[in-house]
């Protein structure tokens, strides 16, 4: 199970998640996954946790991140590291795009 070697944005389905949030799965195998998450202003990525290690790169916009008990503003060019099992979420302050990477891959994202 793994992605094609080249993935073109206009060929990748966009999954509408509701509430002004959508995502595109950019590539994966059993060890890792990269996902583009698109947010409208004021959209919320609700607090959640999972057993995956996650890094997130802010490609566009501004977000208020909550990781554990700590809140910080993240803007384009900034990134986060989220250890497994830590509660985290975001509030989109300016229309934006986050690039999430997961280890291992999020099977729940591709089983739908």
Foldseek 3Di string as FASTA:
>chain_A
DWDDPDDDPVPFDWADPDQQKIKTWGIADQFKTKMKIWGAAFGKFDKDFAQKKKKKAWQAAWKFKDWANDTDIDGHGDMDTHHHPIIMMITTHHGTMMMMMITRYDPVVVVD
